[in-house]
Amino acid sequence: MDLINIKETAQLVSRPEATVRWWIATGTELGPLSAKIGRRRMFRRADVEAWINAQFGA
């Protein structure tokens, strides 16, 4: 399983880190699924890629 952090996720979706943090803080389903592991918020690369594909209706 390939985990990525907020910075890497922001780069992958071409959005500022602040936007990704806002998605998390609001608790909405605007962004990809994430989980807090220890003290860090992490994303599964596969979930981020699936979220990107869903934005295109794929």
C-alpha atoms as a PDB file:
ATOM      1  CA  MET A   1       0.000   0.000   0.000  1.00  0.00           C
ATOM      2  CA  ASP A   2       1.396   3.327  -1.067  1.00  0.00           C
ATOM      3  CA  LEU A   3       0.637   6.126   1.422  1.00  0.00           C
ATOM      4  CA  ILE A   4       1.176   9.796   0.642  1.00  0.00           C
ATOM      5  CA  ASN A   5       0.990  12.894   2.820  1.00  0.00           C
ATOM      6  CA  ILE A   6      -0.930  16.147   2.371  1.00  0.00           C
ATOM      7  CA  LYS A   7       1.866  17.825   0.415  1.00  0.00           C
ATOM      8  CA  GLU A   8       2.163  14.933  -2.041  1.00  0.00           C
ATOM      9  CA  THR A   9      -1.620  14.754  -2.394  1.00  0.00           C
ATOM     10  CA  ALA A  10      -1.812  18.473  -3.143  1.00  0.00           C
ATOM     11  CA  GLN A  11       0.813  18.079  -5.851  1.00  0.00           C
ATOM     12  CA  LEU A  12      -0.994  15.073  -7.340  1.00  0.00           C
ATOM     13  CA  VAL A  13      -4.339  16.905  -7.575  1.00  0.00           C
ATOM     14  CA  SER A  14      -2.743  20.241  -8.550  1.00  0.00           C
ATOM     15  CA  ARG A  15      -4.270  22.118  -5.633  1.00  0.00           C
ATOM     16  CA  PRO A  16      -2.670  24.141  -2.833  1.00  0.00           C
ATOM     17  CA  GLU A  17      -2.017  22.326   0.440  1.00  0.00           C
ATOM     18  CA  ALA A  18      -4.466  24.715   2.100  1.00  0.00           C
ATOM     19  CA  THR A  19      -7.260  23.401  -0.121  1.00  0.00           C
ATOM     20  CA  VAL A  20      -6.509  19.798   0.823  1.00  0.00           C
ATOM     21  CA  ARG A  21      -6.437  20.809   4.498  1.00  0.00           C
ATOM     22  CA  TRP A  22      -9.798  22.570   4.039  1.00  0.00           C
ATOM     23  CA  TRP A  23     -11.297  19.395   2.548  1.00  0.00           C
ATOM     24  CA  ILE A  24     -10.172  17.533   5.668  1.00  0.00           C
ATOM     25  CA  ALA A  25     -11.269  20.229   8.136  1.00  0.00           C
ATOM     26  CA  THR A  26     -14.760  20.608   6.708  1.00  0.00           C
ATOM     27  CA  GLY A  27     -15.338  16.867   6.785  1.00  0.00           C
ATOM     28  CA  THR A  28     -17.047  17.029   3.423  1.00  0.00           C
ATOM     29  CA  GLU A  29     -16.604  14.530   0.640  1.00  0.00           C
ATOM     30  CA  LEU A  30     -15.034  17.164  -1.594  1.00  0.00           C
ATOM     31  CA  GLY A  31     -11.632  15.508  -1.594  1.00  0.00           C
ATOM     32  CA  PRO A  32     -10.159  12.014  -1.529  1.00  0.00           C
ATOM     33  CA  LEU A  33     -10.496   9.734   1.483  1.00  0.00           C
ATOM     34  CA  SER A  34      -7.821  10.169   4.156  1.00  0.00           C
ATOM     35  CA  ALA A  35      -6.990   8.775   7.580  1.00  0.00           C
ATOM     36  CA  LYS A  36      -5.010   9.967  10.558  1.00  0.00           C
ATOM     37  CA  ILE A  37      -2.152   7.577  11.209  1.00  0.00           C
ATOM     38  CA  GLY A  38      -0.358   8.516  14.381  1.00  0.00           C
ATOM     39  CA  ARG A  39       0.003  12.294  14.157  1.00  0.00           C
ATOM     40  CA  ARG A  40      -0.066  12.476  10.376  1.00  0.00           C
ATOM     41  CA  ARG A  41      -2.930  12.695   7.911  1.00  0.00           C
ATOM     42  CA  MET A  42      -2.285  10.200   5.129  1.00  0.00           C
ATOM     43  CA  PHE A  43      -3.909   9.285   1.838  1.00  0.00           C
ATOM     44  CA  ARG A  44      -3.708   6.046  -0.102  1.00  0.00           C
ATOM     45  CA  ARG A  45      -2.368   6.864  -3.568  1.00  0.00           C
ATOM     46  CA  ALA A  46      -4.978   4.513  -5.077  1.00  0.00           C
ATOM     47  CA  ASP A  47      -7.782   6.466  -3.338  1.00  0.00           C
ATOM     48  CA  VAL A  48      -6.450   9.774  -4.645  1.00  0.00           C
ATOM     49  CA  GLU A  49      -6.166   8.394  -8.181  1.00  0.00           C
ATOM     50  CA  ALA A  50      -9.703   6.945  -7.948  1.00  0.00           C
ATOM     51  CA  TRP A  51     -10.982  10.331  -6.747  1.00  0.00           C
ATOM     52  CA  ILE A  52      -9.306  12.056  -9.707  1.00  0.00           C
ATOM     53  CA  ASN A  53     -10.891   9.550 -12.119  1.00  0.00           C
ATOM     54  CA  ALA A  54     -14.299  10.103 -10.514  1.00  0.00           C
ATOM     55  CA  GLN A  55     -14.001  13.834 -11.211  1.00  0.00           C
ATOM     56  CA  PHE A  56     -13.971  12.963 -14.904  1.00  0.00           C
ATOM     57  CA  GLY A  57     -16.912  10.604 -14.535  1.00  0.00           C
ATOM     58  CA  ALA A  58     -14.724   7.562 -15.155  1.00  0.00           C
END
